[in-house]
Amino acid sequence: MARAKSPKPADAEQPSGEEAPNPVWFKPVMFGFMLLGLVWIIVFYVSGGAWPVASLGPWNILIGFGIAFIGFLMTTRWR
């Protein structure tokens, strides 16, 4: 005897738009930006300004904060 297929429930819809969960890569990239910015600033201070880019001088601090800020902005979209 063949089984009758049951209809799909109406509640089993896929979330779309802002309700959709983040992709798998989102969280590692978000934390990666925050850590990269922190490491950039720490390397600048520990090396006495010789690393990561010596020709930028104190602008390295702004670059490090900018990279970390991108990660912090991504936290507003984290689901």
N, C-alpha and C. Protein backbone atom coordinates (compact mmCIF):
# COMPACT_ATOMS: atom_id res chain seq x y z
N MET A 1 0.84 -1.16 0.00
CA MET A 1 0.00 0.00 0.00
C MET A 1 0.90 1.24 0.00
N ALA A 2 0.62 2.18 -0.81
CA ALA A 2 1.41 3.40 -0.92
C ALA A 2 1.05 4.37 0.20
N ARG A 3 2.09 5.06 0.65
CA ARG A 3 1.86 6.07 1.70
C ARG A 3 1.45 7.39 1.07
N ALA A 4 0.55 8.05 1.72
CA ALA A 4 0.11 9.36 1.25
C ALA A 4 1.07 10.41 1.79
N LYS A 5 1.48 11.31 0.92
CA LYS A 5 2.38 12.38 1.35
C LYS A 5 1.58 13.42 2.12
N SER A 6 2.14 13.82 3.24
CA SER A 6 1.47 14.84 4.03
C SER A 6 1.89 16.21 3.50
N PRO A 7 0.99 17.16 3.50
CA PRO A 7 1.34 18.50 3.01
C PRO A 7 2.32 19.18 3.96
N LYS A 8 3.16 20.03 3.40
CA LYS A 8 4.13 20.77 4.22
C LYS A 8 3.40 21.77 5.10
N PRO A 9 3.84 21.89 6.35
CA PRO A 9 3.20 22.90 7.21
C PRO A 9 3.53 24.31 6.72
N ALA A 10 2.61 25.21 6.91
CA ALA A 10 2.77 26.59 6.44
C ALA A 10 3.81 27.34 7.26
N ASP A 11 4.12 26.87 8.46
CA ASP A 11 5.07 27.55 9.34
C ASP A 11 6.53 27.29 8.97
N ALA A 12 6.79 26.36 8.08
CA ALA A 12 8.16 25.96 7.76
C ALA A 12 8.75 26.80 6.62
N GLU A 13 8.58 28.08 6.69
CA GLU A 13 9.13 28.97 5.65
C GLU A 13 10.56 29.35 6.00
N GLN A 14 11.36 29.58 4.97
CA GLN A 14 12.73 30.03 5.18
C GLN A 14 12.73 31.51 5.54
N PRO A 15 13.52 31.90 6.54
CA PRO A 15 13.60 33.33 6.86
C PRO A 15 14.32 34.06 5.74
N SER A 16 13.89 35.27 5.50
CA SER A 16 14.51 36.05 4.43
C SER A 16 14.81 37.46 4.93
N GLY A 17 15.68 38.12 4.22
CA GLY A 17 16.00 39.50 4.56
C GLY A 17 16.76 39.61 5.86
N GLU A 18 16.30 40.48 6.74
CA GLU A 18 16.99 40.73 7.99
C GLU A 18 16.80 39.60 9.01
N GLU A 19 15.84 38.72 8.80
CA GLU A 19 15.60 37.63 9.73
C GLU A 19 16.51 36.45 9.48
N ALA A 20 17.17 36.41 8.32
CA ALA A 20 18.01 35.28 7.95
C ALA A 20 19.26 35.23 8.83
N PRO A 21 19.70 34.03 9.18
CA PRO A 21 20.93 33.92 9.98
C PRO A 21 22.15 34.28 9.13
N ASN A 22 23.24 34.61 9.82
CA ASN A 22 24.46 34.98 9.12
C ASN A 22 25.10 33.77 8.46
N PRO A 23 25.87 34.00 7.40
CA PRO A 23 26.62 32.89 6.81
C PRO A 23 27.69 32.38 7.78
N VAL A 24 28.21 31.22 7.49
CA VAL A 24 29.18 30.58 8.38
C VAL A 24 30.44 31.42 8.52
N TRP A 25 30.85 32.13 7.47
CA TRP A 25 32.10 32.88 7.47
C TRP A 25 32.00 34.19 8.25
N PHE A 26 30.82 34.63 8.60
CA PHE A 26 30.64 35.97 9.16
C PHE A 26 31.35 36.15 10.50
N LYS A 27 31.13 35.23 11.43
CA LYS A 27 31.70 35.38 12.76
C LYS A 27 33.23 35.31 12.76
N PRO A 28 33.85 34.36 12.05
CA PRO A 28 35.33 34.37 12.02
C PRO A 28 35.92 35.63 11.39
N VAL A 29 35.28 36.16 10.36
CA VAL A 29 35.78 37.38 9.74
C VAL A 29 35.62 38.57 10.69
N MET A 30 34.50 38.63 11.39
CA MET A 30 34.25 39.71 12.33
C MET A 30 35.31 39.73 13.43
N PHE A 31 35.51 38.58 14.06
CA PHE A 31 36.52 38.51 15.11
C PHE A 31 37.92 38.66 14.55
N GLY A 32 38.13 38.22 13.33
CA GLY A 32 39.44 38.38 12.68
C GLY A 32 39.80 39.84 12.49
N PHE A 33 38.84 40.65 12.06
CA PHE A 33 39.10 42.09 11.91
C PHE A 33 39.44 42.73 13.25
N MET A 34 38.69 42.37 14.29
CA MET A 34 38.95 42.96 15.59
C MET A 34 40.34 42.56 16.11
N LEU A 35 40.69 41.30 15.95
CA LEU A 35 42.01 40.86 16.41
C LEU A 35 43.14 41.42 15.56
N LEU A 36 42.93 41.51 14.25
CA LEU A 36 43.97 42.06 13.37
C LEU A 36 44.26 43.52 13.72
N GLY A 37 43.22 44.29 13.99
CA GLY A 37 43.42 45.68 14.40
C GLY A 37 44.17 45.79 15.70
N LEU A 38 43.83 44.94 16.66
CA LEU A 38 44.52 44.94 17.94
C LEU A 38 45.99 44.55 17.78
N VAL A 39 46.24 43.52 17.00
CA VAL A 39 47.62 43.08 16.77
C VAL A 39 48.41 44.16 16.04
N TRP A 40 47.79 44.85 15.09
CA TRP A 40 48.46 45.93 14.35
C TRP A 40 48.96 47.00 15.33
N ILE A 41 48.09 47.41 16.25
CA ILE A 41 48.45 48.45 17.21
C ILE A 41 49.53 47.95 18.18
N ILE A 42 49.39 46.73 18.66
CA ILE A 42 50.39 46.17 19.58
C ILE A 42 51.75 46.06 18.92
N VAL A 43 51.78 45.59 17.68
CA VAL A 43 53.05 45.47 16.95
C VAL A 43 53.68 46.84 16.77
N PHE A 44 52.88 47.85 16.48
CA PHE A 44 53.40 49.20 16.31
C PHE A 44 54.07 49.69 17.59
N TYR A 45 53.41 49.49 18.73
CA TYR A 45 53.98 49.96 20.00
C TYR A 45 55.20 49.16 20.42
N VAL A 46 55.13 47.84 20.31
CA VAL A 46 56.22 46.98 20.76
C VAL A 46 57.47 47.19 19.90
N SER A 47 57.30 47.42 18.60
CA SER A 47 58.45 47.59 17.71
C SER A 47 59.00 49.01 17.75
N GLY A 48 58.41 49.88 18.49
CA GLY A 48 58.88 51.26 18.56
C GLY A 48 58.62 52.04 17.27
N GLY A 49 57.61 51.65 16.54
CA GLY A 49 57.23 52.35 15.31
C GLY A 49 57.90 51.82 14.06
N ALA A 50 58.72 50.77 14.18
CA ALA A 50 59.40 50.22 13.01
C ALA A 50 58.51 49.28 12.20
N TRP A 51 57.52 48.71 12.83
CA TRP A 51 56.60 47.80 12.16
C TRP A 51 55.19 48.28 12.37
N PRO A 52 54.18 47.92 11.74
CA PRO A 52 54.03 47.17 10.51
C PRO A 52 54.45 47.97 9.28
N VAL A 53 54.19 49.28 9.22
CA VAL A 53 54.64 50.10 8.08
C VAL A 53 55.34 51.32 8.68
N ALA A 54 56.66 51.31 8.65
CA ALA A 54 57.43 52.36 9.32
C ALA A 54 57.20 53.74 8.71
N SER A 55 56.98 53.80 7.40
CA SER A 55 56.84 55.10 6.74
C SER A 55 55.54 55.82 7.12
N LEU A 56 54.57 55.09 7.68
CA LEU A 56 53.30 55.73 8.07
C LEU A 56 53.38 56.40 9.43
N GLY A 57 54.33 55.98 10.25
CA GLY A 57 54.49 56.60 11.57
C GLY A 57 53.26 56.42 12.43
N PRO A 58 52.80 57.50 13.06
CA PRO A 58 51.65 57.39 13.97
C PRO A 58 50.33 57.04 13.27
N TRP A 59 50.29 57.11 11.95
CA TRP A 59 49.07 56.74 11.24
C TRP A 59 48.78 55.25 11.39
N ASN A 60 49.79 54.48 11.80
CA ASN A 60 49.56 53.05 12.05
C ASN A 60 48.51 52.83 13.13
N ILE A 61 48.45 53.72 14.11
CA ILE A 61 47.44 53.60 15.17
C ILE A 61 46.05 53.76 14.57
N LEU A 62 45.89 54.75 13.72
CA LEU A 62 44.59 54.98 13.08
C LEU A 62 44.20 53.80 12.19
N ILE A 63 45.16 53.24 11.49
CA ILE A 63 44.88 52.08 10.64
C ILE A 63 44.43 50.90 11.49
N GLY A 64 45.13 50.65 12.61
CA GLY A 64 44.75 49.56 13.51
C GLY A 64 43.36 49.75 14.07
N PHE A 65 43.04 50.97 14.52
CA PHE A 65 41.70 51.24 15.02
C PHE A 65 40.65 51.12 13.92
N GLY A 66 41.00 51.52 12.70
CA GLY A 66 40.08 51.40 11.58
C GLY A 66 39.74 49.96 11.27
N ILE A 67 40.76 49.09 11.27
CA ILE A 67 40.53 47.67 11.01
C ILE A 67 39.66 47.07 12.12
N ALA A 68 39.97 47.39 13.37
CA ALA A 68 39.17 46.88 14.48
C ALA A 68 37.74 47.43 14.43
N PHE A 69 37.60 48.68 14.00
CA PHE A 69 36.27 49.30 13.92
C PHE A 69 35.39 48.59 12.89
N ILE A 70 35.99 48.11 11.82
CA ILE A 70 35.22 47.34 10.83
C ILE A 70 34.62 46.10 11.50
N GLY A 71 35.42 45.43 12.33
CA GLY A 71 34.90 44.27 13.06
C GLY A 71 33.79 44.65 14.01
N PHE A 72 33.95 45.77 14.71
CA PHE A 72 32.90 46.20 15.63
C PHE A 72 31.63 46.61 14.88
N LEU A 73 31.76 47.19 13.70
CA LEU A 73 30.57 47.50 12.91
C LEU A 73 29.86 46.22 12.47
N MET A 74 30.63 45.18 12.20
CA MET A 74 30.01 43.91 11.80
C MET A 74 29.18 43.32 12.93
N THR A 75 29.47 43.65 14.19
CA THR A 75 28.70 43.09 15.30
C THR A 75 27.25 43.58 15.28
N THR A 76 27.00 44.72 14.63
CA THR A 76 25.63 45.22 14.57
C THR A 76 24.76 44.38 13.64
N ARG A 77 25.37 43.61 12.74
CA ARG A 77 24.63 42.76 11.80
C ARG A 77 24.65 41.29 12.20
N TRP A 78 25.28 40.97 13.33
CA TRP A 78 25.42 39.58 13.77
C TRP A 78 24.09 39.08 14.32
N ARG A 79 23.68 37.93 13.88
CA ARG A 79 22.41 37.32 14.34
C ARG A 79 22.71 36.07 15.13
